[in-house]
Every structure is written in C-alpha cells, then in structure tokens.
Amino acid sequence: PFLFSSPAPKTIDGQGLEGFQLGDSKHVFASLRKENAELREFLKIGKMRDYRIEIAQTIIRDPKNWKKRLVIDKGKDRGLEVGMFVLSANAGSNIETKYSVSGRILSVSEHSSEIGTIFDDFFSMSVMIGEEGIPAALRGGDLPALVYFDSSLIKGGEFTVFSSPYSEFSAPYIPIGTTIMEEGSDLFKLIDRLPFKPWAEIQDIRFVIIVAPKAGAAGSTK
C-alpha cells in the first residue's frame, strides 16, 4: 500500500550541499548543488545564524493519503522534533523563490519522521499576510485557509504569505504561498477567512529541507 523511494542519502550539514549524490534521484540533487548559492542566500532571510539545515529524502507515501502525509529518512538521530517545519520545491517557474514551506513534522522515530503537509487536518502555522506583516494563522486541510487575523485590515485580494517571526520552529519570513479570491467575493466586505494556495509542489515531494533551530538557539529545546 506504500510507495518507497530510493536508498537514503548521505548526511548534509548546514555548511553546504557539495558532494551530495543519491541513486536514481542523483539529477535532483545535482540541480540542488547548482542552486547552493541561491539556497544559502534565500535562507539568510531572518536570523539564520540561529538555524541549521537538514535535507531528507521522502521514503514512504501512502497512495490513499498522498497529498497529506509522507515519511522522510531523518529523525531523532539528526535532532529533528515534532513541530519543525519543512520546505520543498515550488510548483511553478513563475514563483519568486524555488522553495517554500510545505508541511511540518507530526511524529519522530529514531531514523525517520512523518510529515503532515499543508493539506493535512493537523497542520497549523503562525504566519504573516502581505508586506504589511498582518498576523494570522494558517489552518491546514483539504481547503487550507488563513484565520484569526484583523479583518479590518484586509478586504480580500491576493497576498503573499510568509512564516511568522513568532513561530517556535520556523525561521521567519520564509514564503509559503498566496491568498486566493473566492469567486463572487466582495473586495469591500469584512472577512474572517482567506482561502490559501501553497506554492510548494505537494504532489511530487522527493526531498525536503528542514530548517531547524540550532542547539541553544531560540525555539530549540536542546
């Protein structure tokens, strides 16, 4: 009932992705190596000195729950914890960054972790809406949506959504996706829910990037 991917990759630390190879997925990581400088630059957003990078491969996906759950090949042995957020590649070439938040860790064993994507009912995250940084919460599910925001500040429309600086397990200002206008919405009507579209390609997550707090940093329990 499960789909298994190729053998586990070597460990990569936060200093770089050089030398990374992986069987059938070698071309994926070769491309990632080429994007190393871009990835480093992207991850300077926020106080990245307090974070480290782990890269993990997807090893299990259940066809019956494809959009919501997956298992990766890193766990407690690499310092991963329940609640940490993961990034993966974006779906379209017209998106301004190559990686965005796609899910968070729901459970951890010694050498693997289960991820709930943005489409999972248990997913939630503190976020900011637009360049103004309007605080909100992203609630996962079949129809992800933004809730708990000041409706007087938003009348509808499309806004980029970023991770919040107040989120315990996520580096701040990492893009997640955009709000979307529902058909027939009134731009001048106060609203308490904004439909949300993630940028990440959820259907084909081959690897994830975990941006984890360093030991002793804010948000770390080590």
N, C-alpha and C. Protein backbone atom coordinates (compact mmCIF):
# COMPACT_ATOMS: atom_id res chain seq x y z
N PRO A 1 0.80 -1.22 0.00
CA PRO A 1 0.00 0.00 0.00
C PRO A 1 0.83 1.27 0.00
N PHE A 2 2.16 1.13 0.12
CA PHE A 2 3.01 2.31 0.20
C PHE A 2 3.93 2.39 -1.00
N LEU A 3 4.39 3.58 -1.29
CA LEU A 3 5.38 3.79 -2.33
C LEU A 3 6.70 4.11 -1.66
N PHE A 4 7.73 3.32 -1.96
CA PHE A 4 9.04 3.53 -1.39
C PHE A 4 9.94 4.15 -2.44
N SER A 5 10.80 5.06 -2.01
CA SER A 5 11.73 5.68 -2.93
C SER A 5 13.10 5.02 -2.80
N SER A 6 14.10 5.60 -3.43
CA SER A 6 15.43 5.00 -3.47
C SER A 6 16.16 5.13 -2.14
N PRO A 7 17.35 4.50 -2.00
CA PRO A 7 18.06 4.46 -0.72
C PRO A 7 18.33 5.83 -0.13
N ALA A 8 18.56 5.84 1.17
CA ALA A 8 18.73 7.09 1.91
C ALA A 8 20.00 7.81 1.50
N PRO A 9 19.98 9.16 1.50
CA PRO A 9 21.14 9.95 1.13
C PRO A 9 22.14 10.08 2.27
N LYS A 10 23.30 10.60 1.93
CA LYS A 10 24.28 10.92 2.95
C LYS A 10 23.83 12.15 3.73
N THR A 11 24.44 12.34 4.89
CA THR A 11 24.08 13.49 5.72
C THR A 11 24.71 14.75 5.14
N ILE A 12 23.93 15.81 5.18
CA ILE A 12 24.42 17.12 4.75
C ILE A 12 24.27 18.07 5.92
N ASP A 13 25.31 18.84 6.23
CA ASP A 13 25.15 19.80 7.30
C ASP A 13 24.84 21.17 6.72
N GLY A 14 24.66 22.14 7.60
CA GLY A 14 24.24 23.47 7.16
C GLY A 14 25.30 24.24 6.40
N GLN A 15 26.50 23.67 6.23
CA GLN A 15 27.56 24.41 5.56
C GLN A 15 27.45 24.33 4.05
N GLY A 16 26.74 23.38 3.52
CA GLY A 16 26.65 23.29 2.07
C GLY A 16 26.10 21.97 1.61
N LEU A 17 25.96 21.81 0.29
CA LEU A 17 25.39 20.61 -0.29
C LEU A 17 26.38 19.90 -1.20
N GLU A 18 27.66 20.30 -1.14
CA GLU A 18 28.65 19.72 -2.03
C GLU A 18 28.79 18.22 -1.79
N GLY A 19 29.00 17.46 -2.87
CA GLY A 19 29.26 16.04 -2.75
C GLY A 19 28.02 15.20 -2.55
N PHE A 20 26.85 15.77 -2.67
CA PHE A 20 25.60 15.05 -2.40
C PHE A 20 25.21 14.23 -3.62
N GLN A 21 25.02 12.91 -3.44
CA GLN A 21 24.59 12.05 -4.53
C GLN A 21 23.55 11.08 -4.00
N LEU A 22 22.65 10.64 -4.89
CA LEU A 22 21.57 9.78 -4.45
C LEU A 22 21.00 8.97 -5.60
N GLY A 23 21.54 7.81 -5.86
CA GLY A 23 21.00 6.83 -6.79
C GLY A 23 20.17 7.41 -7.91
N ASP A 24 18.91 6.97 -8.00
CA ASP A 24 18.02 7.37 -9.08
C ASP A 24 17.67 8.84 -9.02
N SER A 25 17.84 9.46 -7.86
CA SER A 25 17.48 10.88 -7.73
C SER A 25 18.71 11.78 -7.84
N LYS A 26 19.78 11.24 -8.37
CA LYS A 26 21.03 11.99 -8.45
C LYS A 26 20.85 13.31 -9.18
N HIS A 27 20.04 13.31 -10.26
CA HIS A 27 19.85 14.54 -11.04
C HIS A 27 19.17 15.62 -10.22
N VAL A 28 18.30 15.21 -9.29
CA VAL A 28 17.61 16.18 -8.44
C VAL A 28 18.60 16.92 -7.56
N PHE A 29 19.51 16.18 -6.96
CA PHE A 29 20.46 16.78 -6.04
C PHE A 29 21.61 17.46 -6.77
N ALA A 30 21.88 17.01 -8.01
CA ALA A 30 22.86 17.73 -8.82
C ALA A 30 22.35 19.13 -9.09
N SER A 31 21.08 19.22 -9.40
CA SER A 31 20.45 20.53 -9.60
C SER A 31 20.49 21.35 -8.32
N LEU A 32 20.25 20.68 -7.19
CA LEU A 32 20.26 21.38 -5.91
C LEU A 32 21.64 21.91 -5.59
N ARG A 33 22.68 21.16 -5.96
CA ARG A 33 24.05 21.64 -5.75
C ARG A 33 24.29 22.93 -6.52
N LYS A 34 23.79 22.97 -7.76
CA LYS A 34 23.95 24.17 -8.57
C LYS A 34 23.25 25.36 -7.95
N GLU A 35 22.19 25.07 -7.20
CA GLU A 35 21.41 26.14 -6.57
C GLU A 35 21.89 26.43 -5.16
N ASN A 36 23.05 25.88 -4.80
CA ASN A 36 23.53 26.01 -3.42
C ASN A 36 23.65 27.47 -3.00
N ALA A 37 24.26 28.28 -3.87
CA ALA A 37 24.45 29.69 -3.53
C ALA A 37 23.10 30.38 -3.37
N GLU A 38 22.18 30.03 -4.26
CA GLU A 38 20.85 30.64 -4.18
C GLU A 38 20.14 30.20 -2.90
N LEU A 39 20.28 28.92 -2.55
CA LEU A 39 19.65 28.42 -1.33
C LEU A 39 20.22 29.11 -0.11
N ARG A 40 21.53 29.27 -0.07
CA ARG A 40 22.16 29.94 1.06
C ARG A 40 21.65 31.38 1.18
N GLU A 41 21.58 32.06 0.02
CA GLU A 41 21.12 33.45 0.02
C GLU A 41 19.67 33.52 0.50
N PHE A 42 18.85 32.59 0.02
CA PHE A 42 17.44 32.55 0.41
C PHE A 42 17.29 32.34 1.91
N LEU A 43 18.12 31.47 2.45
CA LEU A 43 17.99 31.12 3.86
C LEU A 43 18.66 32.13 4.79
N LYS A 44 19.19 33.22 4.23
CA LYS A 44 19.69 34.31 5.06
C LYS A 44 18.53 35.16 5.59
N ILE A 45 17.35 34.96 5.00
CA ILE A 45 16.18 35.71 5.45
C ILE A 45 15.92 35.39 6.91
N GLY A 46 15.75 36.41 7.73
CA GLY A 46 15.55 36.17 9.16
C GLY A 46 16.90 35.94 9.84
N LYS A 47 16.86 35.47 11.06
CA LYS A 47 18.08 35.25 11.85
C LYS A 47 18.60 33.84 11.61
N MET A 48 19.11 33.60 10.41
CA MET A 48 19.51 32.25 10.04
C MET A 48 20.74 31.78 10.79
N ARG A 49 21.45 32.67 11.46
CA ARG A 49 22.59 32.22 12.26
C ARG A 49 22.11 31.30 13.38
N ASP A 50 20.82 31.35 13.72
CA ASP A 50 20.27 30.51 14.79
C ASP A 50 19.70 29.20 14.28
N TYR A 51 19.89 28.93 12.99
CA TYR A 51 19.28 27.74 12.39
C TYR A 51 20.31 26.90 11.64
N ARG A 52 20.00 25.63 11.50
CA ARG A 52 20.82 24.72 10.71
C ARG A 52 19.92 24.05 9.68
N ILE A 53 20.54 23.50 8.64
CA ILE A 53 19.79 22.90 7.55
C ILE A 53 19.98 21.38 7.55
N GLU A 54 18.89 20.65 7.45
CA GLU A 54 18.93 19.22 7.21
C GLU A 54 18.16 18.93 5.93
N ILE A 55 18.69 18.06 5.10
CA ILE A 55 17.99 17.65 3.88
C ILE A 55 17.64 16.19 4.01
N ALA A 56 16.40 15.84 3.74
CA ALA A 56 15.94 14.46 3.89
C ALA A 56 15.18 14.04 2.65
N GLN A 57 15.21 12.75 2.40
CA GLN A 57 14.52 12.18 1.25
C GLN A 57 13.19 11.58 1.68
N THR A 58 12.19 11.71 0.82
CA THR A 58 10.92 11.03 1.05
C THR A 58 11.12 9.54 0.80
N ILE A 59 10.72 8.72 1.78
CA ILE A 59 10.89 7.27 1.62
C ILE A 59 9.56 6.53 1.57
N ILE A 60 8.49 7.13 2.07
CA ILE A 60 7.18 6.47 2.05
C ILE A 60 6.09 7.49 1.78
N ARG A 61 5.18 7.13 0.86
CA ARG A 61 3.94 7.89 0.67
C ARG A 61 2.81 6.89 0.48
N ASP A 62 1.71 7.13 1.16
CA ASP A 62 0.55 6.26 1.07
C ASP A 62 -0.36 6.79 -0.03
N PRO A 63 -0.62 5.99 -1.08
CA PRO A 63 -1.48 6.47 -2.18
C PRO A 63 -2.86 6.93 -1.73
N LYS A 64 -3.35 6.37 -0.64
CA LYS A 64 -4.68 6.75 -0.15
C LYS A 64 -4.66 8.09 0.58
N ASN A 65 -3.48 8.54 0.94
CA ASN A 65 -3.35 9.78 1.71
C ASN A 65 -2.23 10.64 1.12
N TRP A 66 -2.13 10.62 -0.19
CA TRP A 66 -0.96 11.13 -0.90
C TRP A 66 -0.68 12.59 -0.61
N LYS A 67 -1.69 13.43 -0.64
CA LYS A 67 -1.48 14.87 -0.50
C LYS A 67 -1.23 15.31 0.94
N LYS A 68 -1.49 14.41 1.90
CA LYS A 68 -1.48 14.84 3.29
C LYS A 68 -0.29 14.35 4.11
N ARG A 69 0.21 13.16 3.84
CA ARG A 69 1.25 12.58 4.69
C ARG A 69 2.40 12.01 3.86
N LEU A 70 3.60 12.05 4.44
CA LEU A 70 4.76 11.38 3.87
C LEU A 70 5.75 11.11 4.99
N VAL A 71 6.68 10.21 4.73
CA VAL A 71 7.70 9.85 5.71
C VAL A 71 9.07 10.14 5.11
N ILE A 72 9.95 10.77 5.91
CA ILE A 72 11.30 11.10 5.46
C ILE A 72 12.32 10.28 6.24
N ASP A 73 13.55 10.26 5.74
CA ASP A 73 14.57 9.36 6.30
C ASP A 73 15.47 10.02 7.34
N LYS A 74 14.98 11.03 8.03
CA LYS A 74 15.73 11.64 9.14
C LYS A 74 14.81 11.70 10.35
N GLY A 75 15.41 11.54 11.53
CA GLY A 75 14.60 11.55 12.75
C GLY A 75 15.36 12.09 13.94
N LYS A 76 15.17 11.46 15.08
CA LYS A 76 15.83 11.90 16.31
C LYS A 76 17.34 11.86 16.18
N ASP A 77 17.83 10.95 15.33
CA ASP A 77 19.28 10.84 15.16
C ASP A 77 19.88 12.10 14.56
N ARG A 78 19.06 12.92 13.90
CA ARG A 78 19.54 14.18 13.34
C ARG A 78 18.95 15.39 14.07
N GLY A 79 18.40 15.15 15.26
CA GLY A 79 17.91 16.25 16.07
C GLY A 79 16.56 16.81 15.65
N LEU A 80 15.81 16.07 14.84
CA LEU A 80 14.50 16.55 14.42
C LEU A 80 13.48 16.36 15.54
N GLU A 81 12.51 17.26 15.57
CA GLU A 81 11.50 17.25 16.63
C GLU A 81 10.11 17.49 16.05
N VAL A 82 9.11 17.02 16.76
CA VAL A 82 7.73 17.29 16.38
C VAL A 82 7.51 18.80 16.36
N GLY A 83 6.87 19.28 15.31
CA GLY A 83 6.57 20.70 15.18
C GLY A 83 7.46 21.44 14.21
N MET A 84 8.64 20.88 13.88
CA MET A 84 9.52 21.56 12.93
C MET A 84 8.88 21.60 11.55
N PHE A 85 9.11 22.70 10.84
CA PHE A 85 8.54 22.87 9.51
C PHE A 85 9.53 22.43 8.44
N VAL A 86 9.00 22.00 7.30
CA VAL A 86 9.85 21.56 6.19
C VAL A 86 9.54 22.37 4.95
N LEU A 87 10.55 22.54 4.11
CA LEU A 87 10.42 23.23 2.84
C LEU A 87 10.59 22.23 1.72
N SER A 88 9.99 22.50 0.58
CA SER A 88 10.23 21.69 -0.60
C SER A 88 10.12 22.58 -1.83
N ALA A 89 10.41 21.97 -3.00
CA ALA A 89 10.45 22.74 -4.24
C ALA A 89 9.07 23.27 -4.61
N ASN A 90 9.06 24.44 -5.24
CA ASN A 90 7.80 25.05 -5.64
C ASN A 90 7.29 24.49 -6.96
N ALA A 91 5.99 24.72 -7.20
CA ALA A 91 5.32 24.10 -8.33
C ALA A 91 5.57 24.81 -9.66
N GLY A 92 5.67 26.13 -9.64
CA GLY A 92 5.75 26.87 -10.90
C GLY A 92 7.04 27.65 -11.06
N SER A 93 7.43 27.85 -12.30
CA SER A 93 8.66 28.60 -12.58
C SER A 93 8.45 30.11 -12.42
N ASN A 94 7.19 30.54 -12.36
CA ASN A 94 6.92 31.97 -12.24
C ASN A 94 6.88 32.44 -10.79
N ILE A 95 7.15 31.54 -9.84
CA ILE A 95 7.15 31.89 -8.43
C ILE A 95 8.52 32.48 -8.07
N GLU A 96 8.52 33.48 -7.20
CA GLU A 96 9.74 34.27 -6.96
C GLU A 96 10.83 33.52 -6.21
N THR A 97 10.53 32.41 -5.54
CA THR A 97 11.55 31.61 -4.88
C THR A 97 11.39 30.15 -5.30
N LYS A 98 12.42 29.35 -5.10
CA LYS A 98 12.38 27.95 -5.51
C LYS A 98 11.85 27.03 -4.43
N TYR A 99 11.87 27.48 -3.17
CA TYR A 99 11.47 26.63 -2.05
C TYR A 99 10.50 27.37 -1.15
N SER A 100 9.58 26.65 -0.57
CA SER A 100 8.65 27.26 0.38
C SER A 100 8.18 26.19 1.36
N VAL A 101 7.52 26.63 2.43
CA VAL A 101 7.04 25.69 3.45
C VAL A 101 5.99 24.78 2.85
N SER A 102 6.13 23.47 3.07
CA SER A 102 5.18 22.50 2.53
C SER A 102 4.51 21.67 3.62
N GLY A 103 5.07 21.64 4.84
CA GLY A 103 4.47 20.83 5.89
C GLY A 103 5.24 20.98 7.20
N ARG A 104 4.86 20.13 8.17
CA ARG A 104 5.57 20.13 9.44
C ARG A 104 5.64 18.71 9.98
N ILE A 105 6.58 18.48 10.87
CA ILE A 105 6.78 17.14 11.43
C ILE A 105 5.70 16.83 12.46
N LEU A 106 5.02 15.69 12.27
CA LEU A 106 3.96 15.27 13.18
C LEU A 106 4.43 14.24 14.19
N SER A 107 5.36 13.38 13.78
CA SER A 107 5.89 12.37 14.70
C SER A 107 7.31 12.03 14.28
N VAL A 108 8.12 11.61 15.26
CA VAL A 108 9.54 11.35 15.02
C VAL A 108 9.93 10.02 15.65
N SER A 109 10.63 9.19 14.89
CA SER A 109 11.26 7.99 15.43
C SER A 109 12.78 8.18 15.34
N GLU A 110 13.54 7.18 15.63
CA GLU A 110 14.99 7.34 15.68
C GLU A 110 15.58 7.74 14.34
N HIS A 111 15.10 7.11 13.25
CA HIS A 111 15.71 7.36 11.94
C HIS A 111 14.72 7.84 10.88
N SER A 112 13.53 8.23 11.26
CA SER A 112 12.55 8.71 10.29
C SER A 112 11.56 9.64 10.97
N SER A 113 10.82 10.39 10.15
CA SER A 113 9.81 11.32 10.67
C SER A 113 8.62 11.34 9.73
N GLU A 114 7.43 11.50 10.30
CA GLU A 114 6.23 11.64 9.49
C GLU A 114 5.89 13.11 9.34
N ILE A 115 5.62 13.51 8.10
CA ILE A 115 5.31 14.90 7.78
C ILE A 115 3.84 15.02 7.43
N GLY A 116 3.19 16.03 7.99
CA GLY A 116 1.86 16.40 7.56
C GLY A 116 1.97 17.63 6.68
N THR A 117 1.46 17.56 5.46
CA THR A 117 1.57 18.69 4.54
C THR A 117 0.53 19.76 4.90
N ILE A 118 0.55 20.84 4.15
CA ILE A 118 -0.40 21.92 4.36
C ILE A 118 -1.84 21.43 4.16
N PHE A 119 -2.02 20.33 3.44
CA PHE A 119 -3.35 19.79 3.21
C PHE A 119 -3.80 18.83 4.31
N ASP A 120 -2.96 18.64 5.32
CA ASP A 120 -3.31 17.75 6.43
C ASP A 120 -4.15 18.50 7.46
N ASP A 121 -5.13 17.82 8.03
CA ASP A 121 -6.03 18.45 9.00
C ASP A 121 -5.30 18.91 10.27
N PHE A 122 -4.13 18.30 10.56
CA PHE A 122 -3.39 18.64 11.77
C PHE A 122 -2.37 19.74 11.56
N PHE A 123 -2.27 20.25 10.33
CA PHE A 123 -1.30 21.30 10.06
C PHE A 123 -1.82 22.65 10.56
N SER A 124 -0.95 23.40 11.21
CA SER A 124 -1.24 24.79 11.57
C SER A 124 0.07 25.53 11.69
N MET A 125 0.02 26.85 11.49
CA MET A 125 1.26 27.63 11.49
C MET A 125 0.95 29.10 11.68
N SER A 126 1.77 29.78 12.46
CA SER A 126 1.67 31.23 12.60
C SER A 126 2.30 31.87 11.37
N VAL A 127 1.58 32.81 10.76
CA VAL A 127 2.06 33.42 9.52
C VAL A 127 1.85 34.93 9.54
N MET A 128 2.35 35.57 8.49
CA MET A 128 2.12 37.00 8.27
C MET A 128 1.58 37.17 6.86
N ILE A 129 0.61 38.05 6.70
CA ILE A 129 -0.02 38.28 5.41
C ILE A 129 0.53 39.56 4.79
N GLY A 130 1.05 39.44 3.58
CA GLY A 130 1.50 40.59 2.83
C GLY A 130 2.72 41.29 3.40
N GLU A 131 3.16 42.32 2.70
CA GLU A 131 4.33 43.08 3.13
C GLU A 131 4.08 43.83 4.44
N GLU A 132 2.81 44.05 4.74
CA GLU A 132 2.47 44.74 5.99
C GLU A 132 2.68 43.84 7.20
N GLY A 133 2.79 42.54 6.98
CA GLY A 133 3.03 41.61 8.07
C GLY A 133 1.84 41.44 9.00
N ILE A 134 0.65 41.34 8.46
CA ILE A 134 -0.56 41.17 9.28
C ILE A 134 -0.56 39.77 9.90
N PRO A 135 -0.57 39.65 11.22
CA PRO A 135 -0.51 38.33 11.87
C PRO A 135 -1.76 37.51 11.56
N ALA A 136 -1.57 36.20 11.38
CA ALA A 136 -2.68 35.28 11.11
C ALA A 136 -2.22 33.87 11.43
N ALA A 137 -3.14 32.94 11.31
CA ALA A 137 -2.82 31.52 11.45
C ALA A 137 -3.22 30.81 10.17
N LEU A 138 -2.36 29.92 9.70
CA LEU A 138 -2.67 29.08 8.55
C LEU A 138 -3.19 27.75 9.06
N ARG A 139 -4.41 27.43 8.71
CA ARG A 139 -5.04 26.18 9.14
C ARG A 139 -5.08 25.23 7.95
N GLY A 140 -4.50 24.04 8.13
CA GLY A 140 -4.44 23.07 7.05
C GLY A 140 -5.75 22.33 6.85
N GLY A 141 -5.76 21.47 5.82
CA GLY A 141 -6.94 20.69 5.49
C GLY A 141 -7.10 20.60 3.99
N ASP A 142 -8.20 19.99 3.55
CA ASP A 142 -8.44 19.86 2.11
C ASP A 142 -8.51 21.23 1.44
N LEU A 143 -9.00 22.22 2.19
CA LEU A 143 -9.08 23.60 1.71
C LEU A 143 -8.36 24.50 2.71
N PRO A 144 -7.04 24.62 2.62
CA PRO A 144 -6.29 25.43 3.58
C PRO A 144 -6.79 26.87 3.58
N ALA A 145 -6.73 27.51 4.75
CA ALA A 145 -7.22 28.89 4.84
C ALA A 145 -6.50 29.63 5.95
N LEU A 146 -6.47 30.95 5.82
CA LEU A 146 -5.93 31.82 6.86
C LEU A 146 -7.08 32.27 7.77
N VAL A 147 -6.83 32.21 9.07
CA VAL A 147 -7.84 32.59 10.06
C VAL A 147 -7.17 33.42 11.15
N TYR A 148 -8.00 33.96 12.07
CA TYR A 148 -7.51 34.72 13.22
C TYR A 148 -6.66 35.92 12.84
N PHE A 149 -7.15 36.72 11.90
CA PHE A 149 -6.47 37.96 11.54
C PHE A 149 -7.44 39.11 11.71
N ASP A 150 -6.90 40.32 11.71
CA ASP A 150 -7.71 41.52 11.86
C ASP A 150 -8.41 41.79 10.52
N SER A 151 -9.70 41.47 10.45
CA SER A 151 -10.42 41.58 9.19
C SER A 151 -10.55 43.02 8.71
N SER A 152 -10.37 43.98 9.61
CA SER A 152 -10.47 45.38 9.18
C SER A 152 -9.28 45.79 8.31
N LEU A 153 -8.21 44.99 8.33
CA LEU A 153 -7.02 45.32 7.56
C LEU A 153 -7.01 44.69 6.17
N ILE A 154 -7.94 43.74 5.95
CA ILE A 154 -7.96 43.00 4.69
C ILE A 154 -9.38 42.97 4.15
N LYS A 155 -9.54 43.36 2.91
CA LYS A 155 -10.86 43.32 2.29
C LYS A 155 -10.92 42.25 1.19
N GLY A 156 -9.92 41.43 1.10
CA GLY A 156 -9.86 40.42 0.05
C GLY A 156 -8.71 40.71 -0.90
N GLY A 157 -8.53 39.85 -1.89
CA GLY A 157 -7.44 40.02 -2.85
C GLY A 157 -6.36 38.98 -2.64
N GLU A 158 -5.28 39.11 -3.39
CA GLU A 158 -4.19 38.15 -3.31
C GLU A 158 -3.00 38.77 -2.59
N PHE A 159 -2.48 38.04 -1.60
CA PHE A 159 -1.34 38.49 -0.81
C PHE A 159 -0.37 37.33 -0.66
N THR A 160 0.93 37.65 -0.67
CA THR A 160 1.92 36.64 -0.34
C THR A 160 1.91 36.40 1.16
N VAL A 161 2.06 35.14 1.55
CA VAL A 161 2.04 34.76 2.96
C VAL A 161 3.42 34.24 3.36
N PHE A 162 3.92 34.70 4.52
CA PHE A 162 5.26 34.33 4.99
C PHE A 162 5.18 33.69 6.38
N SER A 163 6.22 32.94 6.75
CA SER A 163 6.29 32.42 8.11
C SER A 163 6.49 33.57 9.09
N SER A 164 5.97 33.40 10.28
CA SER A 164 5.99 34.46 11.29
C SER A 164 7.27 34.43 12.11
N PRO A 165 7.77 35.59 12.53
CA PRO A 165 8.93 35.61 13.44
C PRO A 165 8.59 35.09 14.82
N TYR A 166 7.31 34.87 15.09
CA TYR A 166 6.87 34.38 16.40
C TYR A 166 6.60 32.88 16.41
N SER A 167 6.88 32.22 15.29
CA SER A 167 6.69 30.77 15.21
C SER A 167 7.87 30.07 15.87
N GLU A 168 7.58 29.13 16.76
CA GLU A 168 8.62 28.50 17.56
C GLU A 168 9.62 27.70 16.73
N PHE A 169 9.14 26.99 15.71
CA PHE A 169 10.01 26.05 14.99
C PHE A 169 10.37 26.48 13.58
N SER A 170 10.02 27.68 13.18
CA SER A 170 10.29 28.10 11.81
C SER A 170 11.11 29.38 11.79
N ALA A 171 12.06 29.42 10.86
CA ALA A 171 12.76 30.68 10.62
C ALA A 171 11.77 31.68 10.06
N PRO A 172 11.90 32.96 10.40
CA PRO A 172 10.91 33.96 9.94
C PRO A 172 11.08 34.34 8.48
N TYR A 173 9.98 34.83 7.90
CA TYR A 173 9.95 35.44 6.57
C TYR A 173 10.23 34.46 5.44
N ILE A 174 9.97 33.18 5.65
CA ILE A 174 10.07 32.21 4.57
C ILE A 174 8.72 32.16 3.86
N PRO A 175 8.68 32.29 2.54
CA PRO A 175 7.40 32.30 1.83
C PRO A 175 6.69 30.96 1.91
N ILE A 176 5.37 31.01 1.89
CA ILE A 176 4.55 29.80 1.98
C ILE A 176 3.60 29.66 0.80
N GLY A 177 3.00 30.78 0.40
CA GLY A 177 2.05 30.74 -0.70
C GLY A 177 1.31 32.06 -0.81
N THR A 178 0.11 32.01 -1.36
CA THR A 178 -0.68 33.22 -1.54
C THR A 178 -2.13 33.00 -1.13
N THR A 179 -2.77 34.09 -0.75
CA THR A 179 -4.21 34.04 -0.56
C THR A 179 -4.87 34.02 -1.94
N ILE A 180 -6.08 33.52 -2.01
CA ILE A 180 -6.78 33.50 -3.28
C ILE A 180 -8.19 34.06 -3.09
N MET A 181 -8.67 34.71 -4.12
CA MET A 181 -10.01 35.28 -4.09
C MET A 181 -11.03 34.22 -4.47
N GLU A 182 -12.05 34.06 -3.64
CA GLU A 182 -13.14 33.16 -4.00
C GLU A 182 -14.04 33.85 -5.02
N GLU A 183 -14.57 33.07 -5.94
CA GLU A 183 -15.43 33.62 -6.97
C GLU A 183 -16.65 34.32 -6.34
N GLY A 184 -16.89 35.52 -6.76
CA GLY A 184 -18.03 36.26 -6.22
C GLY A 184 -17.74 37.01 -4.95
N SER A 185 -16.46 37.01 -4.49
CA SER A 185 -16.11 37.71 -3.26
C SER A 185 -16.25 39.21 -3.42
N ASP A 186 -16.66 39.87 -2.35
CA ASP A 186 -16.78 41.32 -2.32
C ASP A 186 -15.51 41.91 -1.73
N LEU A 187 -14.77 42.67 -2.53
CA LEU A 187 -13.50 43.23 -2.08
C LEU A 187 -13.67 44.18 -0.90
N PHE A 188 -14.88 44.70 -0.69
CA PHE A 188 -15.08 45.71 0.34
C PHE A 188 -15.82 45.15 1.56
N LYS A 189 -15.97 43.85 1.61
CA LYS A 189 -16.66 43.21 2.72
C LYS A 189 -15.65 42.66 3.72
N LEU A 190 -15.89 42.89 5.02
CA LEU A 190 -15.01 42.33 6.04
C LEU A 190 -15.09 40.82 6.00
N ILE A 191 -13.94 40.17 6.14
CA ILE A 191 -13.88 38.71 6.05
C ILE A 191 -13.15 38.15 7.26
N ASP A 192 -13.43 36.89 7.58
CA ASP A 192 -12.74 36.25 8.70
C ASP A 192 -12.01 34.98 8.27
N ARG A 193 -11.98 34.73 6.97
CA ARG A 193 -11.31 33.55 6.44
C ARG A 193 -10.82 33.85 5.04
N LEU A 194 -9.54 33.52 4.77
CA LEU A 194 -8.97 33.73 3.45
C LEU A 194 -8.51 32.39 2.88
N PRO A 195 -9.07 31.92 1.78
CA PRO A 195 -8.57 30.70 1.14
C PRO A 195 -7.10 30.87 0.78
N PHE A 196 -6.38 29.77 0.83
CA PHE A 196 -4.92 29.83 0.69
C PHE A 196 -4.44 28.79 -0.32
N LYS A 197 -3.45 29.19 -1.12
CA LYS A 197 -2.82 28.27 -2.08
C LYS A 197 -1.33 28.18 -1.80
N PRO A 198 -0.84 26.99 -1.42
CA PRO A 198 0.60 26.84 -1.17
C PRO A 198 1.39 26.90 -2.47
N TRP A 199 2.61 27.41 -2.37
CA TRP A 199 3.48 27.42 -3.53
C TRP A 199 4.14 26.07 -3.76
N ALA A 200 4.34 25.31 -2.71
CA ALA A 200 5.07 24.04 -2.83
C ALA A 200 4.33 23.04 -3.71
N GLU A 201 5.09 22.24 -4.42
CA GLU A 201 4.54 21.16 -5.23
C GLU A 201 4.28 19.96 -4.32
N ILE A 202 3.08 19.85 -3.81
CA ILE A 202 2.76 18.81 -2.83
C ILE A 202 2.68 17.42 -3.46
N GLN A 203 2.28 17.37 -4.71
CA GLN A 203 2.08 16.06 -5.35
C GLN A 203 3.38 15.29 -5.56
N ASP A 204 4.50 16.00 -5.66
CA ASP A 204 5.76 15.33 -6.00
C ASP A 204 6.88 15.84 -5.10
N ILE A 205 6.81 15.49 -3.83
CA ILE A 205 7.85 15.89 -2.88
C ILE A 205 8.87 14.76 -2.78
N ARG A 206 10.02 14.94 -3.42
CA ARG A 206 11.06 13.91 -3.42
C ARG A 206 12.04 14.11 -2.26
N PHE A 207 12.22 15.35 -1.86
CA PHE A 207 13.09 15.64 -0.73
C PHE A 207 12.56 16.88 -0.03
N VAL A 208 12.94 17.06 1.21
CA VAL A 208 12.53 18.23 1.97
C VAL A 208 13.75 18.86 2.62
N ILE A 209 13.63 20.14 2.92
CA ILE A 209 14.65 20.88 3.63
C ILE A 209 14.08 21.25 4.99
N ILE A 210 14.73 20.79 6.04
CA ILE A 210 14.29 21.13 7.39
C ILE A 210 15.19 22.24 7.90
N VAL A 211 14.61 23.39 8.25
CA VAL A 211 15.37 24.49 8.82
C VAL A 211 15.13 24.43 10.33
N ALA A 212 16.07 23.81 11.03
CA ALA A 212 15.88 23.52 12.46
C ALA A 212 16.68 24.48 13.32
N PRO A 213 16.12 24.88 14.48
CA PRO A 213 16.89 25.73 15.38
C PRO A 213 18.15 25.02 15.86
N LYS A 214 19.25 25.76 15.93
CA LYS A 214 20.47 25.19 16.46
C LYS A 214 20.32 24.99 17.97
N ALA A 215 21.11 24.06 18.52
CA ALA A 215 21.08 23.83 19.97
C ALA A 215 21.42 25.14 20.68
N GLY A 216 20.57 25.50 21.65
CA GLY A 216 20.79 26.70 22.41
C GLY A 216 20.16 27.95 21.81
N ALA A 217 19.65 27.83 20.55
CA ALA A 217 19.01 28.98 19.92
C ALA A 217 17.58 29.10 20.36
N ALA A 218 16.98 30.26 20.15
CA ALA A 218 15.58 30.46 20.47
C ALA A 218 14.73 29.48 19.70
N GLY A 219 13.81 28.79 20.36
CA GLY A 219 12.98 27.80 19.71
C GLY A 219 13.51 26.41 19.83
N SER A 220 14.79 26.28 20.20
CA SER A 220 15.38 24.95 20.39
C SER A 220 15.10 24.45 21.80
N THR A 221 14.83 23.15 21.88
CA THR A 221 14.61 22.54 23.19
C THR A 221 15.85 21.81 23.66
N LYS A 222 16.93 21.92 22.89
CA LYS A 222 18.16 21.23 23.26
C LYS A 222 18.92 21.99 24.30
